[in-house]
Every structure is written in structure tokens, then in C-alpha cells.
Amino acid sequence: MENFWVAAVWSLAPTVVVSAIFFFVLRGILRVDRTERRVYAQVQAEERAKRGLPPVDAAPLPSDR
């Protein structure tokens, strides 16, 4: 019976490892995208301030139509 559990663990291990790698890669991509958008918004706000333009308002919510 012990061989059954060893085989079960070894058969599930690759799926779990690949899923964990996929999770961390996807999480990293989303974090980088979020940070890039934040930095871009800051740069855009600084440039608008330099030119004397008003700040860009946040996008309206769908319920604000």
C-alpha cells in the first residue's frame, strides 16, 4: 500500500510544481504592470504640471454615466 502513495505523490508533483511556477510568474507580471502604470501616471502628472495643464481626472465609474 505504501507504493501506491509514493506513486500518487510522484504523479502529482510535476503538476503542483508547474502550477506554482506559473502562479509566481503571473503574479510578477501583474505586479510589474501595476508598478509601470503607477510610474507612468506620475510622469504624466509631472509633465502636465510643468506645462501648466490641469491634472487628469480619474476615469469615471461605469455607474456614473
PDB file of N, CA and C in Angstrom:
ATOM      1  N   MET A   1       0.815  -1.201   0.000  1.00  0.00           N
ATOM      2  CA  MET A   1       0.000   0.000   0.000  1.00  0.00           C
ATOM      3  C   MET A   1       0.857   1.263   0.000  1.00  0.00           C
ATOM      4  N   GLU A   2       2.048   1.147   0.568  1.00  0.00           N
ATOM      5  CA  GLU A   2       2.931   2.308   0.624  1.00  0.00           C
ATOM      6  C   GLU A   2       3.374   2.737  -0.777  1.00  0.00           C
ATOM      7  N   ASN A   3       3.558   1.814  -1.670  1.00  0.00           N
ATOM      8  CA  ASN A   3       3.947   2.146  -3.042  1.00  0.00           C
ATOM      9  C   ASN A   3       2.872   2.958  -3.754  1.00  0.00           C
ATOM     10  N   PHE A   4       1.622   2.723  -3.406  1.00  0.00           N
ATOM     11  CA  PHE A   4       0.532   3.479  -4.011  1.00  0.00           C
ATOM     12  C   PHE A   4       0.668   4.961  -3.681  1.00  0.00           C
ATOM     13  N   TRP A   5       0.921   5.297  -2.416  1.00  0.00           N
ATOM     14  CA  TRP A   5       1.020   6.702  -2.004  1.00  0.00           C
ATOM     15  C   TRP A   5       2.264   7.362  -2.590  1.00  0.00           C
ATOM     16  N   VAL A   6       3.336   6.637  -2.693  1.00  0.00           N
ATOM     17  CA  VAL A   6       4.551   7.181  -3.306  1.00  0.00           C
ATOM     18  C   VAL A   6       4.287   7.475  -4.783  1.00  0.00           C
ATOM     19  N   ALA A   7       3.617   6.575  -5.466  1.00  0.00           N
ATOM     20  CA  ALA A   7       3.292   6.792  -6.878  1.00  0.00           C
ATOM     21  C   ALA A   7       2.335   7.964  -7.036  1.00  0.00           C
ATOM     22  N   ALA A   8       1.384   8.091  -6.120  1.00  0.00           N
ATOM     23  CA  ALA A   8       0.426   9.199  -6.192  1.00  0.00           C
ATOM     24  C   ALA A   8       1.144  10.538  -6.010  1.00  0.00           C
ATOM     25  N   VAL A   9       2.041  10.614  -5.057  1.00  0.00           N
ATOM     26  CA  VAL A   9       2.785  11.859  -4.819  1.00  0.00           C
ATOM     27  C   VAL A   9       3.654  12.191  -6.024  1.00  0.00           C
ATOM     28  N   TRP A  10       4.355  11.213  -6.563  1.00  0.00           N
ATOM     29  CA  TRP A  10       5.228  11.463  -7.710  1.00  0.00           C
ATOM     30  C   TRP A  10       4.442  11.819  -8.966  1.00  0.00           C
ATOM     31  N   SER A  11       3.218  11.338  -9.070  1.00  0.00           N
ATOM     32  CA  SER A  11       2.425  11.684 -10.247  1.00  0.00           C
ATOM     33  C   SER A  11       1.828  13.078 -10.130  1.00  0.00           C
ATOM     34  N   LEU A  12       1.582  13.553  -8.924  1.00  0.00           N
ATOM     35  CA  LEU A  12       1.015  14.890  -8.728  1.00  0.00           C
ATOM     36  C   LEU A  12       2.077  15.979  -8.600  1.00  0.00           C
ATOM     37  N   ALA A  13       3.274  15.621  -8.243  1.00  0.00           N
ATOM     38  CA  ALA A  13       4.339  16.602  -8.011  1.00  0.00           C
ATOM     39  C   ALA A  13       4.612  17.497  -9.225  1.00  0.00           C
ATOM     40  N   PRO A  14       4.746  16.958 -10.440  1.00  0.00           N
ATOM     41  CA  PRO A  14       5.022  17.852 -11.576  1.00  0.00           C
ATOM     42  C   PRO A  14       3.914  18.891 -11.798  1.00  0.00           C
ATOM     43  N   THR A  15       2.675  18.479 -11.628  1.00  0.00           N
ATOM     44  CA  THR A  15       1.559  19.414 -11.809  1.00  0.00           C
ATOM     45  C   THR A  15       1.612  20.520 -10.765  1.00  0.00           C
ATOM     46  N   VAL A  16       1.884  20.171  -9.540  1.00  0.00           N
ATOM     47  CA  VAL A  16       1.946  21.161  -8.467  1.00  0.00           C
ATOM     48  C   VAL A  16       3.119  22.116  -8.694  1.00  0.00           C
ATOM     49  N   VAL A  17       4.263  21.599  -9.092  1.00  0.00           N
ATOM     50  CA  VAL A  17       5.442  22.442  -9.315  1.00  0.00           C
ATOM     51  C   VAL A  17       5.213  23.397 -10.478  1.00  0.00           C
ATOM     52  N   VAL A  18       4.676  22.901 -11.578  1.00  0.00           N
ATOM     53  CA  VAL A  18       4.420  23.759 -12.736  1.00  0.00           C
ATOM     54  C   VAL A  18       3.365  24.805 -12.392  1.00  0.00           C
ATOM     55  N   SER A  19       2.351  24.425 -11.641  1.00  0.00           N
ATOM     56  CA  SER A  19       1.318  25.386 -11.231  1.00  0.00           C
ATOM     57  C   SER A  19       1.913  26.481 -10.339  1.00  0.00           C
ATOM     58  N   ALA A  20       2.794  26.112  -9.427  1.00  0.00           N
ATOM     59  CA  ALA A  20       3.425  27.102  -8.552  1.00  0.00           C
ATOM     60  C   ALA A  20       4.298  28.061  -9.363  1.00  0.00           C
ATOM     61  N   ILE A  21       5.058  27.531 -10.305  1.00  0.00           N
ATOM     62  CA  ILE A  21       5.895  28.392 -11.148  1.00  0.00           C
ATOM     63  C   ILE A  21       5.022  29.337 -11.958  1.00  0.00           C
ATOM     64  N   PHE A  22       3.941  28.824 -12.544  1.00  0.00           N
ATOM     65  CA  PHE A  22       3.016  29.653 -13.316  1.00  0.00           C
ATOM     66  C   PHE A  22       2.424  30.753 -12.450  1.00  0.00           C
ATOM     67  N   PHE A  23       2.031  30.412 -11.216  1.00  0.00           N
ATOM     68  CA  PHE A  23       1.459  31.392 -10.303  1.00  0.00           C
ATOM     69  C   PHE A  23       2.443  32.527 -10.023  1.00  0.00           C
ATOM     70  N   PHE A  24       3.682  32.196  -9.697  1.00  0.00           N
ATOM     71  CA  PHE A  24       4.656  33.226  -9.354  1.00  0.00           C
ATOM     72  C   PHE A  24       5.038  34.072 -10.565  1.00  0.00           C
ATOM     73  N   VAL A  25       5.125  33.475 -11.732  1.00  0.00           N
ATOM     74  CA  VAL A  25       5.436  34.246 -12.938  1.00  0.00           C
ATOM     75  C   VAL A  25       4.292  35.209 -13.247  1.00  0.00           C
ATOM     76  N   LEU A  26       3.059  34.721 -13.204  1.00  0.00           N
ATOM     77  CA  LEU A  26       1.913  35.569 -13.493  1.00  0.00           C
ATOM     78  C   LEU A  26       1.775  36.685 -12.453  1.00  0.00           C
ATOM     79  N   ARG A  27       2.006  36.373 -11.191  1.00  0.00           N
ATOM     80  CA  ARG A  27       1.950  37.389 -10.144  1.00  0.00           C
ATOM     81  C   ARG A  27       3.015  38.460 -10.378  1.00  0.00           C
ATOM     82  N   GLY A  28       4.202  38.051 -10.787  1.00  0.00           N
ATOM     83  CA  GLY A  28       5.264  39.010 -11.075  1.00  0.00           C
ATOM     84  C   GLY A  28       4.912  39.912 -12.241  1.00  0.00           C
ATOM     85  N   ILE A  29       4.332  39.342 -13.286  1.00  0.00           N
ATOM     86  CA  ILE A  29       3.932  40.141 -14.445  1.00  0.00           C
ATOM     87  C   ILE A  29       2.887  41.172 -14.046  1.00  0.00           C
ATOM     88  N   LEU A  30       1.906  40.766 -13.259  1.00  0.00           N
ATOM     89  CA  LEU A  30       0.858  41.699 -12.844  1.00  0.00           C
ATOM     90  C   LEU A  30       1.409  42.802 -11.942  1.00  0.00           C
ATOM     91  N   ARG A  31       2.329  42.456 -11.075  1.00  0.00           N
ATOM     92  CA  ARG A  31       2.937  43.478 -10.206  1.00  0.00           C
ATOM     93  C   ARG A  31       3.749  44.478 -11.020  1.00  0.00           C
ATOM     94  N   VAL A  32       4.507  43.998 -11.989  1.00  0.00           N
ATOM     95  CA  VAL A  32       5.302  44.893 -12.831  1.00  0.00           C
ATOM     96  C   VAL A  32       4.392  45.815 -13.622  1.00  0.00           C
ATOM     97  N   ASP A  33       3.296  45.287 -14.148  1.00  0.00           N
ATOM     98  CA  ASP A  33       2.355  46.098 -14.913  1.00  0.00           C
ATOM     99  C   ASP A  33       1.744  47.181 -14.029  1.00  0.00           C
ATOM    100  N   ARG A  34       1.353  46.815 -12.820  1.00  0.00           N
ATOM    101  CA  ARG A  34       0.756  47.781 -11.898  1.00  0.00           C
ATOM    102  C   ARG A  34       1.753  48.889 -11.555  1.00  0.00           C
ATOM    103  N   THR A  35       2.996  48.501 -11.284  1.00  0.00           N
ATOM    104  CA  THR A  35       4.028  49.487 -10.957  1.00  0.00           C
ATOM    105  C   THR A  35       4.319  50.384 -12.152  1.00  0.00           C
ATOM    106  N   GLU A  36       4.378  49.789 -13.347  1.00  0.00           N
ATOM    107  CA  GLU A  36       4.648  50.581 -14.548  1.00  0.00           C
ATOM    108  C   GLU A  36       3.540  51.602 -14.783  1.00  0.00           C
ATOM    109  N   ARG A  37       2.299  51.218 -14.596  1.00  0.00           N
ATOM    110  CA  ARG A  37       1.182  52.149 -14.779  1.00  0.00           C
ATOM    111  C   ARG A  37       1.242  53.288 -13.754  1.00  0.00           C
ATOM    112  N   ARG A  38       1.598  52.964 -12.515  1.00  0.00           N
ATOM    113  CA  ARG A  38       1.703  53.983 -11.475  1.00  0.00           C
ATOM    114  C   ARG A  38       2.802  54.988 -11.800  1.00  0.00           C
ATOM    115  N   VAL A  39       3.956  54.500 -12.229  1.00  0.00           N
ATOM    116  CA  VAL A  39       5.077  55.378 -12.567  1.00  0.00           C
ATOM    117  C   VAL A  39       4.726  56.228 -13.787  1.00  0.00           C
ATOM    118  N   TYR A  40       4.085  55.625 -14.771  1.00  0.00           N
ATOM    119  CA  TYR A  40       3.693  56.377 -15.970  1.00  0.00           C
ATOM    120  C   TYR A  40       2.718  57.492 -15.600  1.00  0.00           C
ATOM    121  N   ALA A  41       1.779  57.216 -14.703  1.00  0.00           N
ATOM    122  CA  ALA A  41       0.828  58.243 -14.273  1.00  0.00           C
ATOM    123  C   ALA A  41       1.548  59.374 -13.541  1.00  0.00           C
ATOM    124  N   GLN A  42       2.542  59.034 -12.737  1.00  0.00           N
ATOM    125  CA  GLN A  42       3.310  60.070 -12.034  1.00  0.00           C
ATOM    126  C   GLN A  42       4.082  60.934 -13.025  1.00  0.00           C
ATOM    127  N   VAL A  43       4.713  60.312 -13.996  1.00  0.00           N
ATOM    128  CA  VAL A  43       5.465  61.068 -15.002  1.00  0.00           C
ATOM    129  C   VAL A  43       4.520  61.966 -15.791  1.00  0.00           C
ATOM    130  N   GLN A  44       3.370  61.433 -16.167  1.00  0.00           N
ATOM    131  CA  GLN A  44       2.391  62.218 -16.914  1.00  0.00           C
ATOM    132  C   GLN A  44       1.907  63.406 -16.077  1.00  0.00           C
ATOM    133  N   ALA A  45       1.664  63.190 -14.788  1.00  0.00           N
ATOM    134  CA  ALA A  45       1.219  64.279 -13.924  1.00  0.00           C
ATOM    135  C   ALA A  45       2.304  65.351 -13.802  1.00  0.00           C
ATOM    136  N   GLU A  46       3.561  64.940 -13.684  1.00  0.00           N
ATOM    137  CA  GLU A  46       4.657  65.901 -13.603  1.00  0.00           C
ATOM    138  C   GLU A  46       4.776  66.718 -14.891  1.00  0.00           C
ATOM    139  N   GLU A  47       4.650  66.060 -16.021  1.00  0.00           N
ATOM    140  CA  GLU A  47       4.749  66.766 -17.293  1.00  0.00           C
ATOM    141  C   GLU A  47       3.588  67.747 -17.478  1.00  0.00           C
ATOM    142  N   ARG A  48       2.394  67.332 -17.073  1.00  0.00           N
ATOM    143  CA  ARG A  48       1.248  68.240 -17.177  1.00  0.00           C
ATOM    144  C   ARG A  48       1.436  69.444 -16.255  1.00  0.00           C
ATOM    145  N   ALA A  49       2.002  69.222 -15.072  1.00  0.00           N
ATOM    146  CA  ALA A  49       2.239  70.320 -14.142  1.00  0.00           C
ATOM    147  C   ALA A  49       3.285  71.282 -14.701  1.00  0.00           C
ATOM    148  N   LYS A  50       4.317  70.754 -15.351  1.00  0.00           N
ATOM    149  CA  LYS A  50       5.347  71.606 -15.946  1.00  0.00           C
ATOM    150  C   LYS A  50       4.760  72.511 -17.027  1.00  0.00           C
ATOM    151  N   ARG A  51       3.808  71.993 -17.769  1.00  0.00           N
ATOM    152  CA  ARG A  51       3.206  72.764 -18.861  1.00  0.00           C
ATOM    153  C   ARG A  51       2.037  73.623 -18.394  1.00  0.00           C
ATOM    154  N   GLY A  52       1.703  73.546 -17.131  1.00  0.00           N
ATOM    155  CA  GLY A  52       0.623  74.364 -16.598  1.00  0.00           C
ATOM    156  C   GLY A  52      -0.769  73.839 -16.934  1.00  0.00           C
ATOM    157  N   LEU A  53      -0.877  72.569 -17.263  1.00  0.00           N
ATOM    158  CA  LEU A  53      -2.169  71.973 -17.581  1.00  0.00           C
ATOM    159  C   LEU A  53      -2.822  71.425 -16.313  1.00  0.00           C
ATOM    160  N   PRO A  54      -4.128  71.351 -16.291  1.00  0.00           N
ATOM    161  CA  PRO A  54      -4.789  70.790 -15.111  1.00  0.00           C
ATOM    162  C   PRO A  54      -4.544  69.280 -15.028  1.00  0.00           C
ATOM    163  N   PRO A  55      -4.610  68.709 -13.830  1.00  0.00           N
ATOM    164  CA  PRO A  55      -4.392  67.263 -13.699  1.00  0.00           C
ATOM    165  C   PRO A  55      -5.527  66.481 -14.359  1.00  0.00           C
ATOM    166  N   VAL A  56      -5.208  65.298 -14.788  1.00  0.00           N
ATOM    167  CA  VAL A  56      -6.201  64.433 -15.432  1.00  0.00           C
ATOM    168  C   VAL A  56      -7.066  63.820 -14.337  1.00  0.00           C
ATOM    169  N   ASP A  57      -8.385  63.898 -14.506  1.00  0.00           N
ATOM    170  CA  ASP A  57      -9.288  63.290 -13.534  1.00  0.00           C
ATOM    171  C   ASP A  57      -9.250  61.778 -13.683  1.00  0.00           C
ATOM    172  N   ALA A  58      -9.624  61.104 -12.625  1.00  0.00           N
ATOM    173  CA  ALA A  58      -9.699  59.634 -12.686  1.00  0.00           C
ATOM    174  C   ALA A  58     -10.827  59.242 -13.635  1.00  0.00           C
ATOM    175  N   ALA A  59     -10.690  58.086 -14.216  1.00  0.00           N
ATOM    176  CA  ALA A  59     -11.726  57.611 -15.148  1.00  0.00           C
ATOM    177  C   ALA A  59     -13.038  57.446 -14.395  1.00  0.00           C
ATOM    178  N   PRO A  60     -14.139  57.862 -14.983  1.00  0.00           N
ATOM    179  CA  PRO A  60     -15.420  57.724 -14.299  1.00  0.00           C
ATOM    180  C   PRO A  60     -15.815  56.243 -14.168  1.00  0.00           C
ATOM    181  N   LEU A  61     -16.516  55.945 -13.095  1.00  0.00           N
ATOM    182  CA  LEU A  61     -17.003  54.598 -12.897  1.00  0.00           C
ATOM    183  C   LEU A  61     -18.142  54.309 -13.845  1.00  0.00           C
ATOM    184  N   PRO A  62     -18.368  53.071 -14.207  1.00  0.00           N
ATOM    185  CA  PRO A  62     -19.466  52.759 -15.132  1.00  0.00           C
ATOM    186  C   PRO A  62     -20.833  53.214 -14.620  1.00  0.00           C
ATOM    187  N   SER A  63     -21.010  53.302 -13.308  1.00  0.00           N
ATOM    188  CA  SER A  63     -22.300  53.714 -12.759  1.00  0.00           C
ATOM    189  C   SER A  63     -22.482  55.243 -12.836  1.00  0.00           C
ATOM    190  N   ASP A  64     -21.436  55.990 -13.190  1.00  0.00           N
ATOM    191  CA  ASP A  64     -21.511  57.453 -13.249  1.00  0.00           C
ATOM    192  C   ASP A  64     -22.064  57.961 -14.575  1.00  0.00           C
ATOM    193  N   ARG A  65     -22.429  57.114 -15.478  1.00  0.00           N
ATOM    194  CA  ARG A  65     -22.877  57.551 -16.797  1.00  0.00           C
ATOM    195  C   ARG A  65     -24.123  58.282 -16.726  1.00  0.00           C
TER     196      ARG A  65
END
